[in-house]
C-alpha atoms as a PDB file:
ATOM      1  CA  MET A   1     186.564  84.484 154.990  1.00  0.00           C
ATOM      2  CA  PHE A   2     190.226  85.488 154.473  1.00  0.00           C
ATOM      3  CA  PHE A   3     191.250  83.224 157.368  1.00  0.00           C
ATOM      4  CA  ILE A   4     189.347  80.209 155.993  1.00  0.00           C
ATOM      5  CA  VAL A   5     190.611  80.686 152.428  1.00  0.00           C
ATOM      6  CA  SER A   6     194.211  81.064 153.615  1.00  0.00           C
ATOM      7  CA  LYS A   7     194.014  77.870 155.669  1.00  0.00           C
ATOM      8  CA  LEU A   8     192.514  75.829 152.840  1.00  0.00           C
ATOM      9  CA  PHE A   9     194.915  77.270 150.286  1.00  0.00           C
ATOM     10  CA  TRP A  10     198.001  76.488 152.341  1.00  0.00           C
ATOM     11  CA  PHE A  11     196.855  72.943 153.064  1.00  0.00           C
ATOM     12  CA  ILE A  12     197.190  72.265 149.322  1.00  0.00           C
ATOM     13  CA  ALA A  13     199.968  74.755 148.468  1.00  0.00           C
ATOM     14  CA  SER A  14     202.266  73.619 151.274  1.00  0.00           C
ATOM     15  CA  PRO A  15     205.376  72.334 149.437  1.00  0.00           C
ATOM     16  CA  LEU A  16     205.384  69.021 151.307  1.00  0.00           C
ATOM     17  CA  HIS A  17     201.664  68.397 150.778  1.00  0.00           C
ATOM     18  CA  PHE A  18     201.771  69.512 147.148  1.00  0.00           C
ATOM     19  CA  LEU A  19     204.745  67.351 146.260  1.00  0.00           C
ATOM     20  CA  LEU A  20     203.394  64.309 148.098  1.00  0.00           C
ATOM     21  CA  ILE A  21     200.057  64.672 146.308  1.00  0.00           C
ATOM     22  CA  ALA A  22     201.882  65.012 142.979  1.00  0.00           C
ATOM     23  CA  LEU A  23     204.001  61.962 143.791  1.00  0.00           C
ATOM     24  CA  GLY A  24     200.922  59.920 144.666  1.00  0.00           C
ATOM     25  CA  VAL A  25     199.069  60.967 141.513  1.00  0.00           C
ATOM     26  CA  GLY A  26     202.142  60.265 139.413  1.00  0.00           C
ATOM     27  CA  LEU A  27     202.641  56.781 140.842  1.00  0.00           C
ATOM     28  CA  PHE A  28     198.948  56.007 140.349  1.00  0.00           C
ATOM     29  CA  PHE A  29     199.077  56.847 136.653  1.00  0.00           C
ATOM     30  CA  ALA A  30     202.647  55.656 135.990  1.00  0.00           C
ATOM     31  CA  PRO A  31     201.713  52.094 134.879  1.00  0.00           C
ATOM     32  CA  ARG A  32     199.300  53.445 132.247  1.00  0.00           C
ATOM     33  CA  ARG A  33     200.381  56.964 131.317  1.00  0.00           C
ATOM     34  CA  ALA A  34     203.837  58.315 130.517  1.00  0.00           C
ATOM     35  CA  PHE A  35     203.036  61.631 132.218  1.00  0.00           C
ATOM     36  CA  GLY A  36     202.493  59.748 135.490  1.00  0.00           C
ATOM     37  CA  LEU A  37     206.082  58.590 135.623  1.00  0.00           C
ATOM     38  CA  LYS A  38     207.325  62.082 134.741  1.00  0.00           C
ATOM     39  CA  LEU A  39     205.116  63.643 137.408  1.00  0.00           C
ATOM     40  CA  ALA A  40     206.335  61.199 140.056  1.00  0.00           C
ATOM     41  CA  ALA A  41     209.963  61.809 139.078  1.00  0.00           C
ATOM     42  CA  ALA A  42     209.485  65.584 139.224  1.00  0.00           C
ATOM     43  CA  ALA A  43     207.843  65.379 142.649  1.00  0.00           C
ATOM     44  CA  ALA A  44     210.597  63.132 144.017  1.00  0.00           C
ATOM     45  CA  THR A  45     213.224  65.525 142.637  1.00  0.00           C
ATOM     46  CA  GLY A  46     211.470  68.455 144.293  1.00  0.00           C
ATOM     47  CA  LEU A  47     211.411  66.700 147.663  1.00  0.00           C
ATOM     48  CA  ALA A  48     215.109  65.843 147.355  1.00  0.00           C
ATOM     49  CA  LEU A  49     215.934  69.437 146.413  1.00  0.00           C
ATOM     50  CA  ILE A  50     214.123  70.788 149.466  1.00  0.00           C
ATOM     51  CA  ALA A  51     215.663  68.261 151.871  1.00  0.00           C
ATOM     52  CA  PHE A  52     219.269  68.224 150.654  1.00  0.00           C
ATOM     53  CA  SER A  53     219.995  71.658 149.190  1.00  0.00           C
ATOM     54  CA  PRO A  54     220.407  75.042 150.949  1.00  0.00           C
ATOM     55  CA  LEU A  55     217.077  76.192 149.511  1.00  0.00           C
ATOM     56  CA  ASP A  56     215.794  76.808 153.027  1.00  0.00           C
ATOM     57  CA  ALA A  57     218.543  79.347 153.752  1.00  0.00           C
ATOM     58  CA  LEU A  58     218.054  81.055 150.386  1.00  0.00           C
ATOM     59  CA  LEU A  59     214.410  81.634 151.278  1.00  0.00           C
ATOM     60  CA  LEU A  60     214.802  82.386 154.988  1.00  0.00           C
ATOM     61  CA  ARG A  61     217.849  84.647 155.084  1.00  0.00           C
ATOM     62  CA  PRO A  62     216.275  87.651 153.291  1.00  0.00           C
ATOM     63  CA  LEU A  63     213.338  87.514 155.718  1.00  0.00           C
ATOM     64  CA  GLU A  64     215.457  87.123 158.844  1.00  0.00           C
ATOM     65  CA  ASP A  65     218.012  89.747 157.831  1.00  0.00           C
ATOM     66  CA  ARG A  66     215.442  92.399 156.885  1.00  0.00           C
ATOM     67  CA  PHE A  67     215.272  93.902 160.379  1.00  0.00           C
ATOM     68  CA  PRO A  68     218.448  94.074 162.485  1.00  0.00           C
ATOM     69  CA  THR A  69     218.850  92.352 165.809  1.00  0.00           C
ATOM     70  CA  GLN A  70     218.177  94.851 168.581  1.00  0.00           C
ATOM     71  CA  SER A  71     220.238  95.376 171.703  1.00  0.00           C
ATOM     72  CA  PRO A  72     218.044  95.178 174.806  1.00  0.00           C
ATOM     73  CA  VAL A  73     219.811  98.297 176.115  1.00  0.00           C
ATOM     74  CA  MET A  74     217.617 101.123 174.854  1.00  0.00           C
ATOM     75  CA  ALA A  75     215.261 103.809 176.064  1.00  0.00           C
ATOM     76  CA  PRO A  76     212.451 102.192 178.079  1.00  0.00           C
ATOM     77  CA  PRO A  77     209.381 101.412 175.953  1.00  0.00           C
ATOM     78  CA  LYS A  78     205.771 101.989 176.900  1.00  0.00           C
ATOM     79  CA  GLY A  79     205.024  98.358 176.212  1.00  0.00           C
ATOM     80  CA  ILE A  80     206.120  95.103 174.615  1.00  0.00           C
ATOM     81  CA  ILE A  81     203.796  93.420 172.116  1.00  0.00           C
ATOM     82  CA  VAL A  82     204.342  89.680 171.657  1.00  0.00           C
ATOM     83  CA  LEU A  83     202.700  87.810 168.791  1.00  0.00           C
ATOM     84  CA  GLY A  84     201.421  84.281 169.320  1.00  0.00           C
ATOM     85  CA  GLY A  85     202.799  81.178 167.677  1.00  0.00           C
ATOM     86  CA  ALA A  86     205.159  79.929 170.399  1.00  0.00           C
ATOM     87  CA  LEU A  87     202.811  77.553 172.207  1.00  0.00           C
ATOM     88  CA  SER A  88     200.698  74.494 171.510  1.00  0.00           C
ATOM     89  CA  GLU A  89     197.481  75.401 173.245  1.00  0.00           C
ATOM     90  CA  ARG A  90     195.869  71.980 172.741  1.00  0.00           C
ATOM     91  CA  ILE A  91     198.845  70.027 174.116  1.00  0.00           C
ATOM     92  CA  SER A  92     199.228  72.493 176.987  1.00  0.00           C
ATOM     93  CA  LYS A  93     195.602  71.962 177.957  1.00  0.00           C
ATOM     94  CA  ALA A  94     195.638  68.198 177.455  1.00  0.00           C
ATOM     95  CA  ARG A  95     198.859  67.570 179.392  1.00  0.00           C
ATOM     96  CA  GLY A  96     198.327  70.138 182.095  1.00  0.00           C
ATOM     97  CA  GLN A  97     201.681  71.835 181.543  1.00  0.00           C
ATOM     98  CA  ILE A  98     203.017  74.464 179.180  1.00  0.00           C
ATOM     99  CA  ALA A  99     204.068  73.065 175.791  1.00  0.00           C
ATOM    100  CA  VAL A 100     206.252  75.463 173.799  1.00  0.00           C
ATOM    101  CA  ASN A 101     207.437  74.962 170.236  1.00  0.00           C
ATOM    102  CA  GLU A 102     210.482  76.088 168.219  1.00  0.00           C
ATOM    103  CA  ALA A 103     209.348  79.729 168.479  1.00  0.00           C
ATOM    104  CA  ALA A 104     209.557  79.750 172.295  1.00  0.00           C
ATOM    105  CA  GLU A 105     211.955  82.726 172.196  1.00  0.00           C
ATOM    106  CA  ARG A 106     208.974  84.964 171.530  1.00  0.00           C
ATOM    107  CA  LEU A 107     207.863  84.290 175.112  1.00  0.00           C
ATOM    108  CA  THR A 108     211.219  83.970 176.854  1.00  0.00           C
ATOM    109  CA  ALA A 109     212.741  87.076 175.251  1.00  0.00           C
ATOM    110  CA  ALA A 110     209.641  89.073 176.137  1.00  0.00           C
ATOM    111  CA  ALA A 111     209.845  87.935 179.768  1.00  0.00           C
ATOM    112  CA  ALA A 112     213.510  89.012 179.870  1.00  0.00           C
ATOM    113  CA  LEU A 113     212.590  92.401 178.411  1.00  0.00           C
ATOM    114  CA  ALA A 114     209.854  92.770 181.017  1.00  0.00           C
ATOM    115  CA  ARG A 115     212.448  92.319 183.774  1.00  0.00           C
ATOM    116  CA  LEU A 116     214.779  94.799 182.075  1.00  0.00           C
ATOM    117  CA  TYR A 117     212.022  97.403 181.751  1.00  0.00           C
ATOM    118  CA  PRO A 118     209.932  97.084 184.935  1.00  0.00           C
ATOM    119  CA  ASP A 119     207.509  99.833 183.924  1.00  0.00           C
ATOM    120  CA  ALA A 120     206.689  98.425 180.487  1.00  0.00           C
ATOM    121  CA  LEU A 121     203.377  96.715 179.810  1.00  0.00           C
ATOM    122  CA  LEU A 122     203.622  93.163 178.452  1.00  0.00           C
ATOM    123  CA  VAL A 123     200.942  92.440 175.843  1.00  0.00           C
ATOM    124  CA  PHE A 124     200.341  89.022 174.295  1.00  0.00           C
ATOM    125  CA  SER A 125     198.233  88.588 171.164  1.00  0.00           C
ATOM    126  CA  GLY A 126     197.127  85.111 170.142  1.00  0.00           C
ATOM    127  CA  GLY A 127     193.875  83.180 169.984  1.00  0.00           C
ATOM    128  CA  SER A 128     193.409  79.962 168.057  1.00  0.00           C
ATOM    129  CA  GLY A 129     194.680  79.210 164.569  1.00  0.00           C
ATOM    130  CA  SER A 130     192.531  76.089 164.258  1.00  0.00           C
ATOM    131  CA  LEU A 131     190.011  75.993 161.440  1.00  0.00           C
ATOM    132  CA  ILE A 132     187.822  73.382 163.142  1.00  0.00           C
ATOM    133  CA  ASP A 133     188.031  73.742 166.934  1.00  0.00           C
ATOM    134  CA  ASP A 134     188.975  77.169 168.284  1.00  0.00           C
ATOM    135  CA  ARG A 135     188.067  76.640 171.933  1.00  0.00           C
ATOM    136  CA  ASP A 136     191.690  76.415 173.111  1.00  0.00           C
ATOM    137  CA  ARG A 137     193.318  79.859 173.054  1.00  0.00           C
ATOM    138  CA  GLU A 138     197.071  80.429 173.099  1.00  0.00           C
ATOM    139  CA  ALA A 139     196.709  83.488 175.302  1.00  0.00           C
ATOM    140  CA  ALA A 140     195.612  81.311 178.227  1.00  0.00           C
ATOM    141  CA  ALA A 141     198.783  79.220 178.006  1.00  0.00           C
ATOM    142  CA  ALA A 142     200.923  82.359 177.621  1.00  0.00           C
ATOM    143  CA  HIS A 143     199.285  83.816 180.739  1.00  0.00           C
ATOM    144  CA  ARG A 144     200.227  80.742 182.732  1.00  0.00           C
ATOM    145  CA  PHE A 145     203.755  80.690 181.278  1.00  0.00           C
ATOM    146  CA  TRP A 146     204.548  84.279 182.239  1.00  0.00           C
ATOM    147  CA  SER A 147     202.863  83.937 185.631  1.00  0.00           C
ATOM    148  CA  GLU A 148     205.051  80.929 186.434  1.00  0.00           C
ATOM    149  CA  LEU A 149     208.101  83.031 185.494  1.00  0.00           C
ATOM    150  CA  GLY A 150     207.021  85.641 188.018  1.00  0.00           C
ATOM    151  CA  VAL A 151     205.687  88.413 185.773  1.00  0.00           C
ATOM    152  CA  PRO A 152     203.295  90.514 187.929  1.00  0.00           C
ATOM    153  CA  GLU A 153     199.645  90.193 187.000  1.00  0.00           C
ATOM    154  CA  ASN A 154     199.130  93.958 186.739  1.00  0.00           C
ATOM    155  CA  ARG A 155     201.808  94.219 184.029  1.00  0.00           C
ATOM    156  CA  MET A 156     200.239  91.720 181.621  1.00  0.00           C
ATOM    157  CA  MET A 157     197.449  92.101 179.070  1.00  0.00           C
ATOM    158  CA  PHE A 158     196.108  89.407 176.768  1.00  0.00           C
ATOM    159  CA  GLU A 159     194.212  89.394 173.508  1.00  0.00           C
ATOM    160  CA  ASP A 160     192.738  85.958 172.705  1.00  0.00           C
ATOM    161  CA  ALA A 161     190.445  86.514 169.716  1.00  0.00           C
ATOM    162  CA  SER A 162     192.966  86.836 166.862  1.00  0.00           C
ATOM    163  CA  ARG A 163     193.450  83.968 164.387  1.00  0.00           C
ATOM    164  CA  ASN A 164     196.157  85.405 162.124  1.00  0.00           C
ATOM    165  CA  THR A 165     198.780  88.146 162.050  1.00  0.00           C
ATOM    166  CA  TYR A 166     196.432  90.798 160.693  1.00  0.00           C
ATOM    167  CA  GLU A 167     193.981  90.210 163.530  1.00  0.00           C
ATOM    168  CA  ASN A 168     196.918  90.259 165.991  1.00  0.00           C
ATOM    169  CA  ALA A 169     197.604  93.842 164.973  1.00  0.00           C
ATOM    170  CA  VAL A 170     193.988  95.012 164.781  1.00  0.00           C
ATOM    171  CA  PHE A 171     192.879  93.539 168.105  1.00  0.00           C
ATOM    172  CA  THR A 172     196.074  94.577 169.916  1.00  0.00           C
ATOM    173  CA  GLN A 173     195.639  98.193 168.883  1.00  0.00           C
ATOM    174  CA  ASN A 174     192.017  98.076 170.011  1.00  0.00           C
ATOM    175  CA  LEU A 175     193.211  96.706 173.345  1.00  0.00           C
ATOM    176  CA  VAL A 176     196.037  99.114 174.205  1.00  0.00           C
ATOM    177  CA  HIS A 177     195.072 102.241 172.184  1.00  0.00           C
ATOM    178  CA  PRO A 178     198.688 103.368 171.618  1.00  0.00           C
ATOM    179  CA  ARG A 179     199.500 107.031 171.085  1.00  0.00           C
ATOM    180  CA  ARG A 180     201.768 108.106 168.244  1.00  0.00           C
ATOM    181  CA  ASP A 181     204.371 109.504 170.648  1.00  0.00           C
ATOM    182  CA  GLU A 182     204.660 106.218 172.585  1.00  0.00           C
ATOM    183  CA  LYS A 183     207.441 103.706 171.992  1.00  0.00           C
ATOM    184  CA  TRP A 184     206.373 100.072 171.656  1.00  0.00           C
ATOM    185  CA  LEU A 185     208.446  96.981 170.935  1.00  0.00           C
ATOM    186  CA  LEU A 186     207.175  94.209 168.689  1.00  0.00           C
ATOM    187  CA  VAL A 187     208.508  90.736 169.479  1.00  0.00           C
ATOM    188  CA  THR A 188     208.077  87.924 166.977  1.00  0.00           C
ATOM    189  CA  SER A 189     210.177  85.498 164.960  1.00  0.00           C
ATOM    190  CA  ALA A 190     212.719  87.145 162.663  1.00  0.00           C
ATOM    191  CA  PHE A 191     211.250  85.529 159.536  1.00  0.00           C
ATOM    192  CA  HIS A 192     207.809  86.820 160.532  1.00  0.00           C
ATOM    193  CA  MET A 193     208.886  90.380 161.293  1.00  0.00           C
ATOM    194  CA  PRO A 194     208.595  92.012 157.819  1.00  0.00           C
ATOM    195  CA  ARG A 195     204.940  91.054 157.395  1.00  0.00           C
ATOM    196  CA  SER A 196     204.125  91.875 161.024  1.00  0.00           C
ATOM    197  CA  ILE A 197     205.692  95.336 160.911  1.00  0.00           C
ATOM    198  CA  GLY A 198     203.985  96.060 157.588  1.00  0.00           C
ATOM    199  CA  ILE A 199     200.581  95.296 159.097  1.00  0.00           C
ATOM    200  CA  PHE A 200     201.088  97.443 162.191  1.00  0.00           C
ATOM    201  CA  ARG A 201     202.331 100.319 160.050  1.00  0.00           C
ATOM    202  CA  ALA A 202     199.339 100.085 157.727  1.00  0.00           C
ATOM    203  CA  LEU A 203     197.102 100.443 160.784  1.00  0.00           C
ATOM    204  CA  GLY A 204     198.923 103.592 161.905  1.00  0.00           C
ATOM    205  CA  MET A 205     201.311 102.175 164.499  1.00  0.00           C
ATOM    206  CA  ASN A 206     205.083 101.960 164.022  1.00  0.00           C
ATOM    207  CA  PRO A 207     206.561  99.685 166.712  1.00  0.00           C
ATOM    208  CA  LEU A 208     210.276  98.986 166.994  1.00  0.00           C
ATOM    209  CA  ALA A 209     211.092  95.529 165.651  1.00  0.00           C
ATOM    210  CA  PHE A 210     212.699  93.164 168.168  1.00  0.00           C
ATOM    211  CA  PRO A 211     213.248  89.967 166.126  1.00  0.00           C
ATOM    212  CA  VAL A 212     213.931  86.643 167.852  1.00  0.00           C
ATOM    213  CA  ASP A 213     213.770  82.929 167.009  1.00  0.00           C
ATOM    214  CA  TYR A 214     216.313  82.862 164.180  1.00  0.00           C
ATOM    215  CA  ARG A 215     216.399  79.705 162.039  1.00  0.00           C
ATOM    216  CA  THR A 216     219.621  80.580 160.173  1.00  0.00           C
ATOM    217  CA  GLU A 217     223.110  81.478 161.412  1.00  0.00           C
ATOM    218  CA  GLY A 218     223.557  84.516 159.185  1.00  0.00           C
ATOM    219  CA  ALA A 219     226.882  83.127 157.938  1.00  0.00           C
ATOM    220  CA  LYS A 220     228.303  81.215 154.959  1.00  0.00           C
ATOM    221  CA  GLY A 221     227.517  77.925 156.650  1.00  0.00           C
ATOM    222  CA  ASP A 222     223.828  78.487 155.942  1.00  0.00           C
ATOM    223  CA  PHE A 223     224.471  77.694 152.280  1.00  0.00           C
ATOM    224  CA  LEU A 224     226.039  74.292 152.838  1.00  0.00           C
ATOM    225  CA  PRO A 225     223.863  71.187 152.318  1.00  0.00           C
ATOM    226  CA  PRO A 226     221.675  70.807 155.432  1.00  0.00           C
ATOM    227  CA  ALA A 227     222.553  68.142 157.966  1.00  0.00           C
ATOM    228  CA  ASP A 228     218.884  67.626 158.869  1.00  0.00           C
ATOM    229  CA  GLY A 229     216.641  67.107 155.864  1.00  0.00           C
ATOM    230  CA  ALA A 230     213.456  67.143 157.936  1.00  0.00           C
ATOM    231  CA  GLN A 231     214.376  70.518 159.428  1.00  0.00           C
ATOM    232  CA  ALA A 232     215.221  71.832 155.967  1.00  0.00           C
ATOM    233  CA  ILE A 233     211.757  70.843 154.729  1.00  0.00           C
ATOM    234  CA  GLN A 234     210.154  72.600 157.702  1.00  0.00           C
ATOM    235  CA  ASN A 235     212.238  75.726 157.080  1.00  0.00           C
ATOM    236  CA  VAL A 236     211.220  75.833 153.417  1.00  0.00           C
ATOM    237  CA  GLU A 237     207.568  75.503 154.450  1.00  0.00           C
ATOM    238  CA  THR A 238     207.979  78.355 156.947  1.00  0.00           C
ATOM    239  CA  ALA A 239     209.742  80.644 154.482  1.00  0.00           C
ATOM    240  CA  LEU A 240     207.365  80.032 151.581  1.00  0.00           C
ATOM    241  CA  ARG A 241     204.374  80.658 153.821  1.00  0.00           C
ATOM    242  CA  GLU A 242     205.843  84.050 154.711  1.00  0.00           C
ATOM    243  CA  TRP A 243     206.642  84.999 151.108  1.00  0.00           C
ATOM    244  CA  VAL A 244     203.140  84.012 150.002  1.00  0.00           C
ATOM    245  CA  GLY A 245     201.727  85.891 152.992  1.00  0.00           C
ATOM    246  CA  LEU A 246     203.656  89.042 152.095  1.00  0.00           C
ATOM    247  CA  VAL A 247     202.198  89.007 148.577  1.00  0.00           C
ATOM    248  CA  ALA A 248     198.658  88.155 149.705  1.00  0.00           C
ATOM    249  CA  TYR A 249     198.616  90.762 152.469  1.00  0.00           C
ATOM    250  CA  ARG A 250     199.932  93.452 150.132  1.00  0.00           C
ATOM    251  CA  LEU A 251     197.382  92.633 147.418  1.00  0.00           C
ATOM    252  CA  THR A 252     194.565  92.841 149.968  1.00  0.00           C
ATOM    253  CA  GLY A 253     195.851  96.119 151.437  1.00  0.00           C
ATOM    254  CA  LYS A 254     196.797  94.681 154.832  1.00  0.00           C
ATOM    255  CA  THR A 255     200.437  95.863 154.725  1.00  0.00           C
ATOM    256  CA  ASP A 256     202.042  99.157 153.741  1.00  0.00           C
ATOM    257  CA  ALA A 257     204.693  97.609 151.449  1.00  0.00           C
ATOM    258  CA  LEU A 258     205.404  94.376 149.608  1.00  0.00           C
ATOM    259  CA  PHE A 259     208.586  93.801 151.624  1.00  0.00           C
ATOM    260  CA  PRO A 260     208.613  96.207 154.602  1.00  0.00           C
ATOM    261  CA  ALA A 261     212.004  97.500 155.659  1.00  0.00           C
ATOM    262  CA  PRO A 262     213.389  99.324 158.735  1.00  0.00           C
END
């Protein structure tokens, strides 16, 4: 039920969807009602603010900077847990080749870590995030991706039933049964790391955060007007989804803190 409610809620609450709906409603009523014109103007202003101001960096930077970038030179871990979200399972299946998205570093960084630590287990967690058709699972595409990069079959494990980050953590722990004295790395996008770590900790596991897939530079240039308005809109959507997720997961007891820290 939580998965279904979250999907339906975000379809409406997504900033782009919400503002476009408001703009459409405002334009519909504008010829007859004064509030329609005001609503349309407010929605258009909101879209312009998202596309042409550094709002995306203001929302993303606190998430991405929460956990420090890790050097790959460290004591060998027992295993490397990689959260899904880097592949388009439907396009991969339809086109017959691996289709990665902007979060591809989750997979490539994990493959590099697997070469650096030849005794570490590589665990991928990701099923289908589709509300309607969940037959295509991301884990299958990830399996093919790593196999084509030469990762040995006996070093990989896959969990393909999870639909969200909470289920990633629950099903992964049920798969690998980690001991408290074992060191595990958690690889996911930097903006996604606070919520992910909070969930694993709440379930009794404390992996070392290995953030990848940064969307900001971490410098003053982040706060200049964006050169790509479409990318800025996407970044705002990504950041707001995480902030809303942090609140929702804390209120439902799925994380150990509102804004988990190192």
